[in-house]
Amino acid sequence: MRKILFVTYQPGSANNLVLIARRFQRMMFDIAVVAVNGSRCVWSRAGFDIFNESDDMGQLDVQRTVSALKPALIVAGTSNEDSVESMFLKAAKEYGVKTVSFVDFWSKLRGRFLLSGELVVPEKILVLDDIMREEMVREGFDPQVINVVGSPHLENVRSCSRKLYDARSGASAVRIAFFSQPIAELYGEDERSPNWFGYHEGTIVKSLVSCLDRVCYASDVRVGLTIGIHPRERDGEVVKAALHDRNDHSYNRALSVTVVKEDSLKLINEADIVLGMTTIVLLESAIMGKDTLSIQINNNGRFNFKATELGLIDGVFTEEDLFNKLSSLCLGMQMKHGNIPDKRNKLAHLYKGASDKFINVCRAYL
């Protein structure tokens, strides 16, 4: 039985690769998994054993793993410069093992393949769309190495999402989900950081709650806001600090706020409106037919979210625009079944046939 080794660092990569691993299992391939950081829980929930006991893997550990497992193919996610995935790409070349890498987001494209300043490129790089492919070619990657396949995870979201109907009464609260990210930790809390975005999860939550307070007061609606904390945010200290500063006006009773750590698809399914900053969860939401906004108030241009640049998700860049859009959505909250296909079709190129395309590229090396 031929062995395929899957290697991931980020949960986003694992969400995609676990689906491919299951497909290969059904084709009677032996599956091995190396998962570190937040990706471990994704594989564990899916019922896969994880080969490595520790997240702390050096190049020697990686070489020993490849030597011990003797995979016919390594399928890796991508994340940051000097990541565990790049270490496995380098070790695979030393042992003559073919490699395929998957890029699940439109950022840091070249940096994902840098190891100690050296570009380590697999036999194939699988990407979401033609835009990503063109950007990678501009950054010096060989176009023959890059295949556009889309996202198996988004394909799964599309196939699992149910048709939505809403039997809301005038007295029921509008349900809003906001998905946080550890932007303060990763990119800085203010302009003193060279990577400062102009905002972080705390500033966005403050603006969001302020706007929703105004919406409740001006429009006489009730809103239930659920804030989903990213796994890397621990207990969501930055978000909770922002909520602690909230003014206690009397009309705030119309706005309830809850902070949770729950499965993203569950939160999306329970929401009428889905909000976030630059998370791929917003694409999941749009594919499920939800009204979806990317909030980037005070964006200084240091990082631009491709999903809003490409018109896949509506972007909000000022507090007044956020207030106006939330007012409109909350007042007119009726989930119209006829609108759902249009929202999904705008994103169809990101998921249609993705798993089959992914599998076909891999099988060329098996």
Protein backbone atom coordinates (compact mmCIF):
# COMPACT_ATOMS: atom_id res chain seq x y z
CA MET A 1 0.00 0.00 0.00
CA ARG A 2 1.52 3.32 -1.08
CA LYS A 3 1.84 6.00 1.59
CA ILE A 4 0.95 9.70 1.29
CA LEU A 5 2.24 12.07 3.95
CA PHE A 6 0.19 15.21 4.66
CA VAL A 7 1.92 18.14 6.41
CA THR A 8 0.11 21.21 7.80
CA TYR A 9 0.67 24.17 10.08
CA GLN A 10 -2.46 26.31 9.66
CA PRO A 11 -6.04 25.13 10.32
CA GLY A 12 -7.02 26.54 6.91
CA SER A 13 -4.62 24.19 5.14
CA ALA A 14 -5.79 21.26 7.26
CA ASN A 15 -9.46 21.96 6.45
CA ASN A 16 -8.62 21.40 2.79
CA LEU A 17 -6.12 18.57 3.04
CA VAL A 18 -8.20 16.43 5.42
CA LEU A 19 -10.80 16.15 2.65
CA ILE A 20 -8.16 15.03 0.15
CA ALA A 21 -6.74 12.55 2.67
CA ARG A 22 -10.17 10.98 3.12
CA ARG A 23 -10.53 10.58 -0.63
CA PHE A 24 -7.16 8.85 -0.85
CA GLN A 25 -8.08 6.61 2.09
CA ARG A 26 -11.11 5.42 0.15
CA MET A 27 -8.76 4.63 -2.75
CA MET A 28 -6.80 2.38 -0.34
CA PHE A 29 -3.74 4.58 0.10
CA ASP A 30 -1.96 4.60 3.46
CA ILE A 31 -2.23 8.06 5.03
CA ALA A 32 0.28 9.60 7.46
CA VAL A 33 -0.12 13.06 9.02
CA VAL A 34 2.33 15.56 10.45
CA ALA A 35 0.37 18.45 11.97
CA VAL A 36 1.58 21.30 14.15
CA ASN A 37 0.06 24.40 15.67
CA GLY A 38 -3.68 24.93 15.13
CA SER A 39 -3.91 22.31 12.41
CA ARG A 40 -3.60 19.43 14.90
CA CYS A 41 -7.18 19.71 16.13
CA VAL A 42 -8.56 19.62 12.57
CA TRP A 43 -6.92 16.27 11.84
CA SER A 44 -7.80 14.87 15.27
CA ARG A 45 -11.47 15.78 14.88
CA ALA A 46 -11.45 14.04 11.51
CA GLY A 47 -10.18 10.83 13.14
CA PHE A 48 -6.60 10.84 11.82
CA ASP A 49 -3.62 9.88 13.96
CA ILE A 50 -0.83 12.46 14.06
CA PHE A 51 2.68 11.09 13.63
CA ASN A 52 4.59 13.84 15.46
CA GLU A 53 4.19 14.20 19.20
CA SER A 54 5.59 17.74 19.40
CA ASP A 55 5.04 20.98 17.47
CA ASP A 56 8.74 21.74 17.82
CA MET A 57 10.32 20.10 14.78
CA GLY A 58 13.80 20.97 13.49
CA GLN A 59 15.23 20.01 10.11
CA LEU A 60 16.82 16.88 11.58
CA ASP A 61 13.43 15.78 13.01
CA VAL A 62 11.87 16.35 9.61
CA GLN A 63 14.56 14.30 7.84
CA ARG A 64 14.10 11.45 10.30
CA THR A 65 10.33 11.53 9.76
CA VAL A 66 10.65 11.32 5.97
CA SER A 67 13.21 8.53 6.31
CA ALA A 68 11.00 6.56 8.71
CA LEU A 69 7.72 6.93 6.82
CA LYS A 70 9.11 6.55 3.29
CA PRO A 71 6.13 8.25 1.61
CA ALA A 72 5.51 8.01 -2.12
CA LEU A 73 4.20 11.60 -2.06
CA ILE A 74 4.16 14.52 0.39
CA VAL A 75 1.15 16.86 0.20
CA ALA A 76 1.79 20.03 2.20
CA GLY A 77 -0.11 23.11 3.18
CA THR A 78 1.58 26.51 3.14
CA SER A 79 1.88 29.16 5.82
CA ASN A 80 4.82 31.34 6.81
CA GLU A 81 8.47 31.74 5.93
CA ASP A 82 10.63 28.99 7.52
CA SER A 83 7.54 26.87 8.16
CA VAL A 84 7.44 23.14 8.82
CA GLU A 85 5.96 22.62 5.34
CA SER A 86 9.03 24.13 3.66
CA MET A 87 11.26 21.98 5.84
CA PHE A 88 9.48 18.89 4.53
CA LEU A 89 9.79 20.12 0.93
CA LYS A 90 13.55 20.39 1.40
CA ALA A 91 13.85 16.97 3.05
CA ALA A 92 11.72 15.41 0.32
CA LYS A 93 14.16 16.60 -2.34
CA GLU A 94 17.02 15.00 -0.39
CA TYR A 95 15.16 11.66 -0.28
CA GLY A 96 13.77 11.79 -3.81
CA VAL A 97 10.13 12.11 -2.72
CA LYS A 98 7.69 14.03 -4.92
CA THR A 99 5.84 16.96 -3.36
CA VAL A 100 2.65 18.94 -3.92
CA SER A 101 1.84 22.16 -2.04
CA PHE A 102 -1.52 23.89 -1.63
CA VAL A 103 -1.96 27.67 -1.22
CA ASP A 104 -5.31 28.49 0.38
CA PHE A 105 -5.08 32.30 0.61
CA TRP A 106 -3.94 35.26 -1.50
CA SER A 107 -1.18 36.54 0.81
CA LYS A 108 2.57 36.09 1.37
CA LEU A 109 2.76 33.94 -1.75
CA ARG A 110 6.55 33.90 -2.13
CA GLY A 111 7.23 33.85 1.61
CA ARG A 112 5.32 30.57 1.98
CA PHE A 113 8.14 28.81 0.12
CA LEU A 114 11.16 30.46 1.75
CA LEU A 115 13.40 28.46 4.06
CA SER A 116 16.35 30.39 5.52
CA GLY A 117 16.03 32.78 2.60
CA GLU A 118 16.09 29.99 -0.01
CA LEU A 119 13.13 29.37 -2.28
CA VAL A 120 12.05 25.71 -1.94
CA VAL A 121 9.56 24.77 -4.66
CA PRO A 122 7.61 21.49 -4.92
CA GLU A 123 6.85 19.63 -8.15
CA LYS A 124 3.38 21.21 -8.17
CA ILE A 125 1.78 24.20 -6.46
CA LEU A 126 -2.01 24.11 -6.33
CA VAL A 127 -3.79 27.47 -6.05
CA LEU A 128 -7.30 28.88 -5.72
CA ASP A 129 -7.72 30.87 -8.92
CA ASP A 130 -6.08 32.49 -11.94
CA ILE A 131 -5.44 35.70 -9.99
CA MET A 132 -3.27 33.83 -7.51
CA ARG A 133 -1.49 31.98 -10.31
CA GLU A 134 -0.71 35.23 -12.16
CA GLU A 135 0.63 36.87 -8.99
CA MET A 136 2.91 33.92 -8.30
CA VAL A 137 4.25 34.02 -11.86
CA ARG A 138 4.99 37.74 -11.40
CA GLU A 139 6.89 36.84 -8.23
CA GLY A 140 9.15 34.48 -10.18
CA PHE A 141 7.47 31.07 -9.96
CA ASP A 142 7.53 28.83 -13.04
CA PRO A 143 4.00 28.83 -14.52
CA GLN A 144 4.41 25.13 -15.42
CA VAL A 145 4.57 24.30 -11.71
CA ILE A 146 1.26 26.01 -10.83
CA ASN A 147 -2.19 24.44 -11.26
CA VAL A 148 -5.48 26.18 -10.51
CA VAL A 149 -7.74 23.76 -8.60
CA GLY A 150 -9.87 25.86 -6.25
CA SER A 151 -10.59 25.01 -2.62
CA PRO A 152 -11.76 21.52 -1.56
CA HIS A 153 -12.90 23.04 1.74
CA LEU A 154 -15.12 25.62 0.03
CA GLU A 155 -16.45 22.87 -2.23
CA ASN A 156 -17.38 20.91 0.90
CA VAL A 157 -19.04 23.98 2.42
CA ARG A 158 -21.09 24.41 -0.74
CA SER A 159 -22.18 20.77 -0.83
CA CYS A 160 -23.08 20.69 2.88
CA SER A 161 -24.87 24.03 3.10
CA ARG A 162 -28.62 23.76 3.21
CA LYS A 163 -31.16 26.03 1.57
CA LEU A 164 -32.07 28.77 3.98
CA TYR A 165 -35.53 29.96 4.81
CA ASP A 166 -36.44 32.42 7.49
CA ALA A 167 -39.75 32.55 9.32
CA ARG A 168 -38.79 35.56 11.42
CA SER A 169 -41.39 37.48 13.37
CA GLY A 170 -41.18 41.20 13.96
CA ALA A 171 -40.21 40.60 17.60
CA SER A 172 -37.24 38.31 16.97
CA ALA A 173 -33.66 39.59 17.18
CA VAL A 174 -31.43 39.86 14.14
CA ARG A 175 -28.64 37.30 14.54
CA ILE A 176 -25.16 38.53 13.64
CA ALA A 177 -21.92 36.55 13.79
CA PHE A 178 -18.55 38.31 13.82
CA PHE A 179 -15.43 36.20 13.29
CA SER A 180 -12.37 37.60 15.04
CA GLN A 181 -8.67 37.07 14.19
CA PRO A 182 -5.44 37.62 16.20
CA ILE A 183 -4.41 40.65 14.14
CA ALA A 184 -3.06 42.58 17.15
CA GLU A 185 -0.71 39.71 18.02
CA LEU A 186 0.44 39.04 14.46
CA TYR A 187 0.63 42.53 12.99
CA GLY A 188 0.74 45.00 15.88
CA GLU A 189 -1.60 47.11 17.96
CA ASP A 190 -0.69 50.57 16.67
CA GLU A 191 1.48 52.56 14.25
CA ARG A 192 4.63 51.73 16.22
CA SER A 193 4.54 48.29 14.61
CA PRO A 194 5.99 48.13 11.07
CA ASN A 195 3.20 45.71 10.10
CA TRP A 196 0.31 47.72 11.58
CA PHE A 197 -2.84 47.39 9.45
CA GLY A 198 -4.51 50.54 10.80
CA TYR A 199 -6.89 48.32 12.75
CA HIS A 200 -7.03 45.10 14.78
CA GLU A 201 -9.75 42.93 16.27
CA GLY A 202 -10.21 45.27 19.24
CA THR A 203 -10.69 48.46 17.21
CA ILE A 204 -13.07 46.70 14.81
CA VAL A 205 -15.17 45.25 17.65
CA LYS A 206 -15.43 48.72 19.23
CA SER A 207 -16.63 50.20 15.94
CA LEU A 208 -19.02 47.30 15.34
CA VAL A 209 -20.64 47.51 18.77
CA SER A 210 -20.91 51.29 18.50
CA CYS A 211 -22.65 50.99 15.12
CA LEU A 212 -25.00 48.27 16.34
CA ASP A 213 -25.93 50.37 19.38
CA ARG A 214 -26.84 53.18 16.97
CA VAL A 215 -28.78 50.79 14.72
CA CYS A 216 -30.81 49.47 17.67
CA TYR A 217 -31.55 52.99 18.87
CA ALA A 218 -32.39 54.51 15.48
CA SER A 219 -34.30 51.60 13.98
CA ASP A 220 -35.94 50.04 17.04
CA VAL A 221 -34.57 46.56 16.32
CA ARG A 222 -33.05 43.96 18.60
CA VAL A 223 -29.71 42.39 17.69
CA GLY A 224 -27.93 39.33 19.03
CA LEU A 225 -24.20 39.62 18.26
CA THR A 226 -22.07 36.49 18.62
CA ILE A 227 -18.29 36.99 18.40
CA GLY A 228 -16.40 33.87 17.39
CA ILE A 229 -12.85 33.78 18.73
CA HIS A 230 -10.05 32.43 16.54
CA PRO A 231 -8.16 29.44 18.01
CA ARG A 232 -4.97 31.55 18.22
CA GLU A 233 -6.67 34.24 20.31
CA ARG A 234 -6.62 32.10 23.46
CA ASP A 235 -9.53 33.58 25.52
CA GLY A 236 -9.98 36.60 23.26
CA GLU A 237 -8.38 39.13 25.61
CA VAL A 238 -8.20 41.90 23.01
CA VAL A 239 -11.87 41.48 22.06
CA LYS A 240 -13.00 41.30 25.68
CA ALA A 241 -11.03 44.45 26.53
CA ALA A 242 -12.79 46.26 23.70
CA LEU A 243 -16.18 45.11 24.99
CA HIS A 244 -15.29 46.16 28.53
CA ASP A 245 -15.08 49.78 27.36
CA ARG A 246 -18.60 49.72 25.96
CA ASN A 247 -20.82 52.52 27.26
CA ASP A 248 -23.94 51.37 29.10
CA HIS A 249 -26.66 53.45 27.43
CA SER A 250 -30.22 52.36 28.10
CA TYR A 251 -30.88 51.37 24.49
CA ASN A 252 -27.97 48.92 24.68
CA ARG A 253 -30.44 46.46 26.17
CA ALA A 254 -31.57 45.88 22.59
CA LEU A 255 -28.07 44.58 21.75
CA SER A 256 -26.83 41.37 23.38
CA VAL A 257 -23.18 40.36 22.88
CA THR A 258 -21.75 36.87 23.41
CA VAL A 259 -18.13 35.73 22.96
CA VAL A 260 -17.70 32.06 22.05
CA LYS A 261 -15.31 29.49 20.64
CA GLU A 262 -17.41 27.35 18.34
CA ASP A 263 -17.27 25.72 14.93
CA SER A 264 -17.40 28.41 12.23
CA LEU A 265 -19.95 26.62 10.04
CA LYS A 266 -22.29 26.25 13.03
CA LEU A 267 -22.10 29.98 13.76
CA ILE A 268 -22.62 30.87 10.11
CA ASN A 269 -25.63 28.60 9.83
CA GLU A 270 -27.25 30.19 12.89
CA ALA A 271 -26.63 33.78 11.74
CA ASP A 272 -28.60 36.14 9.51
CA ILE A 273 -25.58 38.39 8.86
CA VAL A 274 -21.91 37.36 8.96
CA LEU A 275 -19.07 39.81 9.57
CA GLY A 276 -15.30 39.55 9.83
CA MET A 277 -12.08 41.23 8.81
CA THR A 278 -9.85 39.24 6.44
CA THR A 279 -10.75 35.65 7.22
CA ILE A 280 -11.55 32.98 4.64
CA VAL A 281 -14.59 32.20 6.80
CA LEU A 282 -16.26 35.11 4.99
CA LEU A 283 -16.03 33.13 1.75
CA GLU A 284 -17.65 30.18 3.50
CA SER A 285 -20.45 32.48 4.61
CA ALA A 286 -21.05 33.90 1.14
CA ILE A 287 -21.13 30.40 -0.34
CA MET A 288 -23.80 29.51 2.24
CA GLY A 289 -25.88 32.43 0.96
CA LYS A 290 -25.48 34.75 3.93
CA ASP A 291 -25.23 38.54 3.82
CA THR A 292 -21.50 38.98 4.43
CA LEU A 293 -19.26 42.00 5.10
CA SER A 294 -15.49 42.39 5.53
CA ILE A 295 -14.86 45.21 8.04
CA GLN A 296 -11.53 46.99 7.54
CA ILE A 297 -12.17 50.39 9.13
CA ASN A 298 -9.05 52.62 8.97
CA ASN A 299 -7.21 50.22 6.66
CA ASN A 300 -3.88 51.94 5.94
CA GLY A 301 -3.23 49.97 2.75
CA ARG A 302 -0.46 47.81 4.20
CA PHE A 303 -2.60 44.72 3.65
CA ASN A 304 -5.44 44.45 1.16
CA PHE A 305 -7.87 41.56 1.42
CA LYS A 306 -8.07 39.95 -2.02
CA ALA A 307 -11.65 38.79 -1.51
CA THR A 308 -12.81 42.42 -1.27
CA GLU A 309 -10.45 43.62 -4.00
CA LEU A 310 -11.89 41.03 -6.37
CA GLY A 311 -15.47 41.87 -5.43
CA LEU A 312 -16.14 38.46 -3.90
CA ILE A 313 -17.01 40.01 -0.51
CA ASP A 314 -18.36 43.50 0.23
CA GLY A 315 -15.74 45.61 2.04
CA VAL A 316 -16.50 48.27 4.67
CA PHE A 317 -13.81 50.87 5.32
CA THR A 318 -15.50 53.59 7.43
CA GLU A 319 -17.66 53.47 10.53
CA GLU A 320 -20.41 55.47 8.84
CA ASP A 321 -20.53 53.02 5.93
CA LEU A 322 -20.75 50.15 8.44
CA PHE A 323 -23.64 51.85 10.21
CA ASN A 324 -25.52 52.43 6.96
CA LYS A 325 -25.03 48.85 5.71
CA LEU A 326 -25.98 47.29 9.03
CA SER A 327 -29.06 49.52 9.27
CA SER A 328 -30.18 48.42 5.82
CA LEU A 329 -29.51 44.74 6.49
CA CYS A 330 -31.14 44.69 9.92
CA LEU A 331 -34.25 46.53 8.79
CA GLY A 332 -34.73 44.46 5.67
CA MET A 333 -33.76 41.12 7.14
CA GLN A 334 -35.59 38.64 4.94
CA MET A 335 -33.59 35.68 3.61
CA LYS A 336 -34.86 35.43 0.05
CA HIS A 337 -34.26 31.98 -1.40
CA GLY A 338 -34.01 33.41 -4.91
CA ASN A 339 -30.94 35.48 -4.02
CA ILE A 340 -28.84 32.59 -2.75
CA PRO A 341 -27.72 31.13 -6.11
CA ASP A 342 -26.42 34.51 -7.29
CA LYS A 343 -24.23 34.87 -4.21
CA ARG A 344 -22.91 31.37 -4.61
CA ASN A 345 -22.33 31.57 -8.34
CA LYS A 346 -20.07 34.59 -7.89
CA LEU A 347 -17.74 32.28 -5.97
CA ALA A 348 -18.25 29.09 -8.00
CA HIS A 349 -14.80 29.24 -9.61
CA LEU A 350 -13.27 28.88 -6.15
CA TYR A 351 -14.88 25.53 -5.42
CA LYS A 352 -16.40 23.81 -8.44
CA GLY A 353 -14.72 20.42 -8.93
CA ALA A 354 -11.86 21.39 -6.62
CA SER A 355 -11.32 17.99 -4.97
CA ASP A 356 -11.25 16.11 -8.27
CA LYS A 357 -8.75 18.57 -9.73
CA PHE A 358 -6.58 18.29 -6.61
CA ILE A 359 -6.67 14.48 -6.66
CA ASN A 360 -5.83 14.32 -10.37
CA VAL A 361 -2.66 16.38 -9.92
CA CYS A 362 -1.52 14.22 -7.01
CA ARG A 363 -2.20 10.94 -8.79
CA ALA A 364 0.23 11.89 -11.54
CA TYR A 365 3.00 11.29 -8.95
CA LEU A 366 1.64 8.03 -7.52
